[in-house]
């Protein structure tokens, strides 16, 4: 029924799962800390703070180009290559 080898194997499996779980949580915590540090230093991305206090990336509405019909962000749009493109100026 139960042998010493089965019990030892079960203990090893439980130990591997336990240490694997601890390692996984530690890696996640380091990643979250690096992300917080990058946000503190400023990563160049525009962010705004919501009422909850968590930073969010600022969104920009897209506009349809009257010439080619593609949706572009007006502040960062580039010319589509057509002669009358309003974003190529």
PDB file of N, CA and C in Angstrom:
ATOM      1  N   UNK A   1       0.826  -1.175   0.000  1.00  0.00           N
ATOM      2  CA  UNK A   1       0.000   0.000   0.000  1.00  0.00           C
ATOM      3  C   UNK A   1       0.879   1.251   0.000  1.00  0.00           C
ATOM      4  N   UNK A   2       1.371   1.700   1.158  1.00  0.00           N
ATOM      5  CA  UNK A   2       2.274   2.835   1.249  1.00  0.00           C
ATOM      6  C   UNK A   2       3.682   2.302   1.448  1.00  0.00           C
ATOM      7  N   UNK A   3       4.563   2.816   0.649  1.00  0.00           N
ATOM      8  CA  UNK A   3       5.955   2.440   0.840  1.00  0.00           C
ATOM      9  C   UNK A   3       6.768   3.708   1.069  1.00  0.00           C
ATOM     10  N   UNK A   4       7.960   3.519   1.553  1.00  0.00           N
ATOM     11  CA  UNK A   4       8.828   4.648   1.854  1.00  0.00           C
ATOM     12  C   UNK A   4       9.147   5.442   0.582  1.00  0.00           C
ATOM     13  N   UNK A   5       9.326   4.768  -0.529  1.00  0.00           N
ATOM     14  CA  UNK A   5       9.653   5.462  -1.779  1.00  0.00           C
ATOM     15  C   UNK A   5       8.473   6.320  -2.259  1.00  0.00           C
ATOM     16  N   UNK A   6       7.268   5.847  -2.101  1.00  0.00           N
ATOM     17  CA  UNK A   6       6.103   6.640  -2.492  1.00  0.00           C
ATOM     18  C   UNK A   6       5.947   7.877  -1.607  1.00  0.00           C
ATOM     19  N   UNK A   7       6.164   7.721  -0.333  1.00  0.00           N
ATOM     20  CA  UNK A   7       6.053   8.857   0.592  1.00  0.00           C
ATOM     21  C   UNK A   7       7.139   9.893   0.292  1.00  0.00           C
ATOM     22  N   UNK A   8       8.376   9.426   0.077  1.00  0.00           N
ATOM     23  CA  UNK A   8       9.463  10.346  -0.265  1.00  0.00           C
ATOM     24  C   UNK A   8       9.184  11.070  -1.584  1.00  0.00           C
ATOM     25  N   UNK A   9       8.671  10.345  -2.563  1.00  0.00           N
ATOM     26  CA  UNK A   9       8.329  10.972  -3.841  1.00  0.00           C
ATOM     27  C   UNK A   9       7.244  12.026  -3.660  1.00  0.00           C
ATOM     28  N   UNK A  10       6.253  11.747  -2.849  1.00  0.00           N
ATOM     29  CA  UNK A  10       5.191  12.710  -2.577  1.00  0.00           C
ATOM     30  C   UNK A  10       5.744  13.947  -1.881  1.00  0.00           C
ATOM     31  N   UNK A  11       6.646  13.756  -0.931  1.00  0.00           N
ATOM     32  CA  UNK A  11       7.268  14.880  -0.239  1.00  0.00           C
ATOM     33  C   UNK A  11       8.082  15.714  -1.230  1.00  0.00           C
ATOM     34  N   UNK A  12       8.817  15.071  -2.123  1.00  0.00           N
ATOM     35  CA  UNK A  12       9.599  15.795  -3.124  1.00  0.00           C
ATOM     36  C   UNK A  12       8.704  16.595  -4.077  1.00  0.00           C
ATOM     37  N   UNK A  13       7.602  16.014  -4.489  1.00  0.00           N
ATOM     38  CA  UNK A  13       6.675  16.722  -5.380  1.00  0.00           C
ATOM     39  C   UNK A  13       6.073  17.926  -4.674  1.00  0.00           C
ATOM     40  N   UNK A  14       5.648  17.750  -3.440  1.00  0.00           N
ATOM     41  CA  UNK A  14       5.067  18.859  -2.680  1.00  0.00           C
ATOM     42  C   UNK A  14       6.122  19.947  -2.465  1.00  0.00           C
ATOM     43  N   UNK A  15       7.350  19.561  -2.147  1.00  0.00           N
ATOM     44  CA  UNK A  15       8.430  20.528  -1.973  1.00  0.00           C
ATOM     45  C   UNK A  15       8.723  21.283  -3.270  1.00  0.00           C
ATOM     46  N   UNK A  16       8.742  20.580  -4.404  1.00  0.00           N
ATOM     47  CA  UNK A  16       8.995  21.235  -5.685  1.00  0.00           C
ATOM     48  C   UNK A  16       7.894  22.231  -6.015  1.00  0.00           C
ATOM     49  N   UNK A  17       6.660  21.862  -5.777  1.00  0.00           N
ATOM     50  CA  UNK A  17       5.542  22.776  -6.029  1.00  0.00           C
ATOM     51  C   UNK A  17       5.635  23.979  -5.105  1.00  0.00           C
ATOM     52  N   UNK A  18       5.959  23.765  -3.847  1.00  0.00           N
ATOM     53  CA  UNK A  18       6.066  24.860  -2.869  1.00  0.00           C
ATOM     54  C   UNK A  18       7.161  25.848  -3.277  1.00  0.00           C
ATOM     55  N   UNK A  19       8.355  25.333  -3.563  1.00  0.00           N
ATOM     56  CA  UNK A  19       9.451  26.226  -3.942  1.00  0.00           C
ATOM     57  C   UNK A  19       9.212  26.868  -5.304  1.00  0.00           C
ATOM     58  N   UNK A  20       8.571  26.160  -6.198  1.00  0.00           N
ATOM     59  CA  UNK A  20       8.214  26.751  -7.496  1.00  0.00           C
ATOM     60  C   UNK A  20       7.234  27.892  -7.331  1.00  0.00           C
ATOM     61  N   UNK A  21       6.267  27.728  -6.458  1.00  0.00           N
ATOM     62  CA  UNK A  21       5.288  28.783  -6.197  1.00  0.00           C
ATOM     63  C   UNK A  21       5.952  30.014  -5.566  1.00  0.00           C
ATOM     64  N   UNK A  22       6.869  29.784  -4.625  1.00  0.00           N
ATOM     65  CA  UNK A  22       7.598  30.891  -3.998  1.00  0.00           C
ATOM     66  C   UNK A  22       8.450  31.636  -5.033  1.00  0.00           C
ATOM     67  N   UNK A  23       9.111  30.901  -5.927  1.00  0.00           N
ATOM     68  CA  UNK A  23       9.932  31.511  -6.963  1.00  0.00           C
ATOM     69  C   UNK A  23       9.058  32.333  -7.913  1.00  0.00           C
ATOM     70  N   UNK A  24       7.922  31.793  -8.311  1.00  0.00           N
ATOM     71  CA  UNK A  24       6.993  32.488  -9.207  1.00  0.00           C
ATOM     72  C   UNK A  24       6.522  33.801  -8.580  1.00  0.00           C
ATOM     73  N   UNK A  25       6.160  33.795  -7.320  1.00  0.00           N
ATOM     74  CA  UNK A  25       5.726  35.018  -6.634  1.00  0.00           C
ATOM     75  C   UNK A  25       6.867  36.018  -6.497  1.00  0.00           C
ATOM     76  N   UNK A  26       8.076  35.540  -6.239  1.00  0.00           N
ATOM     77  CA  UNK A  26       9.221  36.432  -6.106  1.00  0.00           C
ATOM     78  C   UNK A  26       9.531  37.118  -7.437  1.00  0.00           C
ATOM     79  N   UNK A  27       9.487  36.384  -8.535  1.00  0.00           N
ATOM     80  CA  UNK A  27       9.723  36.960  -9.859  1.00  0.00           C
ATOM     81  C   UNK A  27       8.646  38.000 -10.176  1.00  0.00           C
ATOM     82  N   UNK A  28       7.405  37.717  -9.833  1.00  0.00           N
ATOM     83  CA  UNK A  28       6.320  38.683 -10.052  1.00  0.00           C
ATOM     84  C   UNK A  28       6.503  39.939  -9.236  1.00  0.00           C
ATOM     85  N   UNK A  29       6.949  39.793  -7.990  1.00  0.00           N
ATOM     86  CA  UNK A  29       7.154  40.959  -7.132  1.00  0.00           C
ATOM     87  C   UNK A  29       8.292  41.832  -7.670  1.00  0.00           C
ATOM     88  N   UNK A  30       9.352  41.212  -8.149  1.00  0.00           N
ATOM     89  CA  UNK A  30      10.466  41.977  -8.719  1.00  0.00           C
ATOM     90  C   UNK A  30      10.000  42.709  -9.971  1.00  0.00           C
ATOM     91  N   UNK A  31       9.208  42.058 -10.794  1.00  0.00           N
ATOM     92  CA  UNK A  31       8.691  42.701 -11.997  1.00  0.00           C
ATOM     93  C   UNK A  31       7.788  43.884 -11.666  1.00  0.00           C
ATOM     94  N   UNK A  32       6.937  43.726 -10.657  1.00  0.00           N
ATOM     95  CA  UNK A  32       6.070  44.840 -10.266  1.00  0.00           C
ATOM     96  C   UNK A  32       6.879  46.001  -9.717  1.00  0.00           C
ATOM     97  N   UNK A  33       7.929  45.689  -8.957  1.00  0.00           N
ATOM     98  CA  UNK A  33       8.780  46.744  -8.402  1.00  0.00           C
ATOM     99  C   UNK A  33       9.524  47.483  -9.514  1.00  0.00           C
ATOM    100  N   UNK A  34      10.005  46.763 -10.495  1.00  0.00           N
ATOM    101  CA  UNK A  34      10.672  47.412 -11.634  1.00  0.00           C
ATOM    102  C   UNK A  34       9.696  48.301 -12.395  1.00  0.00           C
ATOM    103  N   UNK A  35       8.474  47.851 -12.558  1.00  0.00           N
ATOM    104  CA  UNK A  35       7.468  48.656 -13.250  1.00  0.00           C
ATOM    105  C   UNK A  35       7.172  49.925 -12.465  1.00  0.00           C
ATOM    106  N   UNK A  36       7.035  49.808 -11.130  1.00  0.00           N
ATOM    107  CA  UNK A  36       6.804  51.000 -10.305  1.00  0.00           C
ATOM    108  C   UNK A  36       7.975  51.973 -10.395  1.00  0.00           C
ATOM    109  N   UNK A  37       9.188  51.446 -10.383  1.00  0.00           N
ATOM    110  CA  UNK A  37      10.376  52.301 -10.483  1.00  0.00           C
ATOM    111  C   UNK A  37      10.428  53.002 -11.835  1.00  0.00           C
ATOM    112  N   UNK A  38      10.088  52.293 -12.891  1.00  0.00           N
ATOM    113  CA  UNK A  38      10.071  52.893 -14.229  1.00  0.00           C
ATOM    114  C   UNK A  38       9.016  53.982 -14.314  1.00  0.00           C
ATOM    115  N   UNK A  39       7.863  53.771 -13.690  1.00  0.00           N
ATOM    116  CA  UNK A  39       6.823  54.798 -13.688  1.00  0.00           C
ATOM    117  C   UNK A  39       7.241  56.001 -12.861  1.00  0.00           C
ATOM    118  N   UNK A  40       7.972  55.756 -11.739  1.00  0.00           N
ATOM    119  CA  UNK A  40       8.456  56.861 -10.911  1.00  0.00           C
ATOM    120  C   UNK A  40       9.462  57.717 -11.667  1.00  0.00           C
ATOM    121  N   UNK A  41      10.369  57.063 -12.397  1.00  0.00           N
ATOM    122  CA  UNK A  41      11.382  57.802 -13.147  1.00  0.00           C
ATOM    123  C   UNK A  41      10.781  58.470 -14.369  1.00  0.00           C
ATOM    124  N   UNK A  42       9.668  57.979 -14.853  1.00  0.00           N
ATOM    125  CA  UNK A  42       9.030  58.515 -16.050  1.00  0.00           C
ATOM    126  C   UNK A  42       9.566  57.806 -17.277  1.00  0.00           C
ATOM    127  N   UNK A  43       8.689  57.152 -17.996  1.00  0.00           N
ATOM    128  CA  UNK A  43       9.122  56.387 -19.157  1.00  0.00           C
ATOM    129  C   UNK A  43       8.873  57.134 -20.454  1.00  0.00           C
ATOM    130  N   UNK A  44       8.477  58.401 -20.389  1.00  0.00           N
ATOM    131  CA  UNK A  44       8.231  59.154 -21.602  1.00  0.00           C
ATOM    132  C   UNK A  44       6.814  59.018 -22.124  1.00  0.00           C
ATOM    133  N   UNK A  45       6.047  58.129 -21.550  1.00  0.00           N
ATOM    134  CA  UNK A  45       4.664  57.948 -21.983  1.00  0.00           C
ATOM    135  C   UNK A  45       3.770  58.915 -21.221  1.00  0.00           C
ATOM    136  N   UNK A  46       2.823  59.546 -21.899  1.00  0.00           N
ATOM    137  CA  UNK A  46       1.913  60.429 -21.166  1.00  0.00           C
ATOM    138  C   UNK A  46       0.963  59.612 -20.302  1.00  0.00           C
ATOM    139  N   UNK A  47       0.909  59.942 -19.042  1.00  0.00           N
ATOM    140  CA  UNK A  47       0.007  59.230 -18.137  1.00  0.00           C
ATOM    141  C   UNK A  47      -0.848  60.233 -17.397  1.00  0.00           C
ATOM    142  N   UNK A  48      -1.980  59.786 -16.993  1.00  0.00           N
ATOM    143  CA  UNK A  48      -2.850  60.597 -16.162  1.00  0.00           C
ATOM    144  C   UNK A  48      -3.289  59.731 -14.998  1.00  0.00           C
ATOM    145  N   UNK A  49      -3.652  60.340 -13.927  1.00  0.00           N
ATOM    146  CA  UNK A  49      -4.071  59.592 -12.755  1.00  0.00           C
ATOM    147  C   UNK A  49      -5.592  59.626 -12.672  1.00  0.00           C
ATOM    148  N   UNK A  50      -6.182  58.454 -12.550  1.00  0.00           N
ATOM    149  CA  UNK A  50      -7.628  58.371 -12.419  1.00  0.00           C
ATOM    150  C   UNK A  50      -8.020  58.674 -10.979  1.00  0.00           C
ATOM    151  N   UNK A  51      -9.302  58.690 -10.698  1.00  0.00           N
ATOM    152  CA  UNK A  51      -9.770  58.996  -9.348  1.00  0.00           C
ATOM    153  C   UNK A  51      -9.314  57.940  -8.343  1.00  0.00           C
ATOM    154  N   UNK A  52      -9.021  56.721  -8.809  1.00  0.00           N
ATOM    155  CA  UNK A  52      -8.570  55.664  -7.915  1.00  0.00           C
ATOM    156  C   UNK A  52      -7.107  55.783  -7.560  1.00  0.00           C
ATOM    157  N   UNK A  53      -6.362  56.649  -8.254  1.00  0.00           N
ATOM    158  CA  UNK A  53      -4.974  56.852  -7.931  1.00  0.00           C
ATOM    159  C   UNK A  53      -4.022  56.003  -8.758  1.00  0.00           C
ATOM    160  N   UNK A  54      -4.520  55.106  -9.593  1.00  0.00           N
ATOM    161  CA  UNK A  54      -3.626  54.293 -10.400  1.00  0.00           C
ATOM    162  C   UNK A  54      -3.345  54.998 -11.730  1.00  0.00           C
ATOM    163  N   UNK A  55      -2.082  54.989 -12.178  1.00  0.00           N
ATOM    164  CA  UNK A  55      -1.756  55.688 -13.425  1.00  0.00           C
ATOM    165  C   UNK A  55      -2.324  54.952 -14.632  1.00  0.00           C
ATOM    166  N   UNK A  56      -2.754  55.716 -15.611  1.00  0.00           N
ATOM    167  CA  UNK A  56      -3.280  55.148 -16.846  1.00  0.00           C
ATOM    168  C   UNK A  56      -2.640  55.870 -18.011  1.00  0.00           C
ATOM    169  N   UNK A  57      -2.541  55.215 -19.132  1.00  0.00           N
ATOM    170  CA  UNK A  57      -2.005  55.825 -20.330  1.00  0.00           C
ATOM    171  C   UNK A  57      -3.088  56.715 -20.925  1.00  0.00           C
ATOM    172  N   UNK A  58      -2.711  57.959 -21.267  1.00  0.00           N
ATOM    173  CA  UNK A  58      -3.678  58.886 -21.840  1.00  0.00           C
ATOM    174  C   UNK A  58      -4.060  58.411 -23.250  1.00  0.00           C
ATOM    175  N   UNK A  59      -5.335  58.435 -23.562  1.00  0.00           N
ATOM    176  CA  UNK A  59      -5.828  57.993 -24.858  1.00  0.00           C
ATOM    177  C   UNK A  59      -6.080  59.191 -25.758  1.00  0.00           C
ATOM    178  N   UNK A  60      -5.985  58.951 -27.046  1.00  0.00           N
ATOM    179  CA  UNK A  60      -6.229  59.997 -28.021  1.00  0.00           C
ATOM    180  C   UNK A  60      -7.247  59.471 -29.024  1.00  0.00           C
ATOM    181  N   UNK A  61      -8.228  60.278 -29.359  1.00  0.00           N
ATOM    182  CA  UNK A  61      -9.243  59.863 -30.316  1.00  0.00           C
ATOM    183  C   UNK A  61      -8.650  59.785 -31.713  1.00  0.00           C
ATOM    184  N   UNK A  62      -9.104  58.800 -32.470  1.00  0.00           N
ATOM    185  CA  UNK A  62      -8.649  58.627 -33.847  1.00  0.00           C
ATOM    186  C   UNK A  62      -9.599  59.388 -34.776  1.00  0.00           C
ATOM    187  N   UNK A  63      -9.050  59.904 -35.868  1.00  0.00           N
ATOM    188  CA  UNK A  63      -9.857  60.588 -36.875  1.00  0.00           C
ATOM    189  C   UNK A  63      -9.660  59.901 -38.206  1.00  0.00           C
ATOM    190  N   UNK A  64     -10.716  59.884 -38.990  1.00  0.00           N
ATOM    191  CA  UNK A  64     -10.659  59.259 -40.304  1.00  0.00           C
ATOM    192  C   UNK A  64     -10.056  60.248 -41.296  1.00  0.00           C
ATOM    193  N   UNK A  65      -9.031  59.812 -42.014  1.00  0.00           N
ATOM    194  CA  UNK A  65      -8.394  60.656 -43.028  1.00  0.00           C
ATOM    195  C   UNK A  65      -9.383  60.854 -44.171  1.00  0.00           C
ATOM    196  N   UNK A  66      -9.665  62.098 -44.552  1.00  0.00           N
ATOM    197  CA  UNK A  66     -10.636  62.325 -45.627  1.00  0.00           C
ATOM    198  C   UNK A  66     -10.141  61.843 -46.989  1.00  0.00           C
ATOM    199  N   UNK A  67      -8.852  61.662 -47.160  1.00  0.00           N
ATOM    200  CA  UNK A  67      -8.310  61.252 -48.453  1.00  0.00           C
ATOM    201  C   UNK A  67      -8.272  59.737 -48.609  1.00  0.00           C
ATOM    202  N   UNK A  68      -7.649  59.042 -47.659  1.00  0.00           N
ATOM    203  CA  UNK A  68      -7.467  57.599 -47.820  1.00  0.00           C
ATOM    204  C   UNK A  68      -8.430  56.765 -46.981  1.00  0.00           C
ATOM    205  N   UNK A  69      -9.080  57.363 -45.965  1.00  0.00           N
ATOM    206  CA  UNK A  69     -10.053  56.642 -45.155  1.00  0.00           C
ATOM    207  C   UNK A  69      -9.462  55.888 -43.979  1.00  0.00           C
ATOM    208  N   UNK A  70      -8.150  55.953 -43.797  1.00  0.00           N
ATOM    209  CA  UNK A  70      -7.519  55.272 -42.671  1.00  0.00           C
ATOM    210  C   UNK A  70      -7.722  56.096 -41.402  1.00  0.00           C
ATOM    211  N   UNK A  71      -7.829  55.424 -40.268  1.00  0.00           N
ATOM    212  CA  UNK A  71      -7.974  56.111 -38.991  1.00  0.00           C
ATOM    213  C   UNK A  71      -6.579  56.387 -38.423  1.00  0.00           C
ATOM    214  N   UNK A  72      -6.339  57.654 -38.082  1.00  0.00           N
ATOM    215  CA  UNK A  72      -5.030  58.068 -37.579  1.00  0.00           C
ATOM    216  C   UNK A  72      -5.210  58.937 -36.343  1.00  0.00           C
ATOM    217  N   UNK A  73      -4.166  58.985 -35.511  1.00  0.00           N
ATOM    218  CA  UNK A  73      -4.136  59.905 -34.378  1.00  0.00           C
ATOM    219  C   UNK A  73      -3.670  61.256 -34.918  1.00  0.00           C
ATOM    220  N   UNK A  74      -4.448  62.310 -34.779  1.00  0.00           N
ATOM    221  CA  UNK A  74      -4.120  63.582 -35.426  1.00  0.00           C
ATOM    222  C   UNK A  74      -2.777  64.177 -35.010  1.00  0.00           C
ATOM    223  N   UNK A  75      -2.379  64.028 -33.760  1.00  0.00           N
ATOM    224  CA  UNK A  75      -1.125  64.639 -33.316  1.00  0.00           C
ATOM    225  C   UNK A  75       0.105  63.889 -33.803  1.00  0.00           C
ATOM    226  N   UNK A  76      -0.018  62.603 -34.100  1.00  0.00           N
ATOM    227  CA  UNK A  76       1.143  61.827 -34.513  1.00  0.00           C
ATOM    228  C   UNK A  76       0.983  61.220 -35.901  1.00  0.00           C
ATOM    229  N   UNK A  77       0.091  61.762 -36.718  1.00  0.00           N
ATOM    230  CA  UNK A  77      -0.168  61.207 -38.033  1.00  0.00           C
ATOM    231  C   UNK A  77       0.944  61.564 -39.006  1.00  0.00           C
ATOM    232  N   UNK A  78       1.188  60.669 -39.950  1.00  0.00           N
ATOM    233  CA  UNK A  78       2.148  60.909 -41.027  1.00  0.00           C
ATOM    234  C   UNK A  78       1.401  60.803 -42.350  1.00  0.00           C
ATOM    235  N   UNK A  79       2.010  61.335 -43.385  1.00  0.00           N
ATOM    236  CA  UNK A  79       1.365  61.353 -44.705  1.00  0.00           C
ATOM    237  C   UNK A  79       1.156  59.940 -45.225  1.00  0.00           C
ATOM    238  N   UNK A  80       0.047  59.737 -45.914  1.00  0.00           N
ATOM    239  CA  UNK A  80      -0.258  58.425 -46.475  1.00  0.00           C
ATOM    240  C   UNK A  80       0.346  58.276 -47.876  1.00  0.00           C
ATOM    241  N   UNK A  81       0.923  59.347 -48.410  1.00  0.00           N
ATOM    242  CA  UNK A  81       1.570  59.270 -49.719  1.00  0.00           C
ATOM    243  C   UNK A  81       0.731  59.869 -50.835  1.00  0.00           C
ATOM    244  N   UNK A  82      -0.484  60.203 -50.564  1.00  0.00           N
ATOM    245  CA  UNK A  82      -1.334  60.822 -51.591  1.00  0.00           C
ATOM    246  C   UNK A  82      -1.081  62.308 -51.612  1.00  0.00           C
ATOM    247  N   UNK A  83      -1.219  62.925 -52.785  1.00  0.00           N
ATOM    248  CA  UNK A  83      -0.849  64.355 -52.908  1.00  0.00           C
ATOM    249  C   UNK A  83      -1.668  65.315 -52.049  1.00  0.00           C
ATOM    250  N   UNK A  84      -2.913  65.001 -51.756  1.00  0.00           N
ATOM    251  CA  UNK A  84      -3.757  65.930 -51.009  1.00  0.00           C
ATOM    252  C   UNK A  84      -3.978  65.476 -49.558  1.00  0.00           C
ATOM    253  N   UNK A  85      -3.092  64.627 -49.023  1.00  0.00           N
ATOM    254  CA  UNK A  85      -3.236  64.143 -47.660  1.00  0.00           C
ATOM    255  C   UNK A  85      -3.068  65.311 -46.694  1.00  0.00           C
ATOM    256  N   UNK A  86      -4.054  65.531 -45.803  1.00  0.00           N
ATOM    257  CA  UNK A  86      -3.950  66.677 -44.883  1.00  0.00           C
ATOM    258  C   UNK A  86      -2.879  66.485 -43.806  1.00  0.00           C
ATOM    259  N   UNK A  87      -2.373  65.284 -43.619  1.00  0.00           N
ATOM    260  CA  UNK A  87      -1.393  65.034 -42.565  1.00  0.00           C
ATOM    261  C   UNK A  87       0.039  65.078 -43.078  1.00  0.00           C
ATOM    262  N   UNK A  88       0.240  65.320 -44.343  1.00  0.00           N
ATOM    263  CA  UNK A  88       1.585  65.335 -44.908  1.00  0.00           C
ATOM    264  C   UNK A  88       2.234  66.689 -44.921  1.00  0.00           C
ATOM    265  N   UNK A  89       1.615  67.666 -44.358  1.00  0.00           N
ATOM    266  CA  UNK A  89       2.156  69.029 -44.420  1.00  0.00           C
ATOM    267  C   UNK A  89       3.136  69.308 -43.335  1.00  0.00           C
TER     268      UNK A  89
END
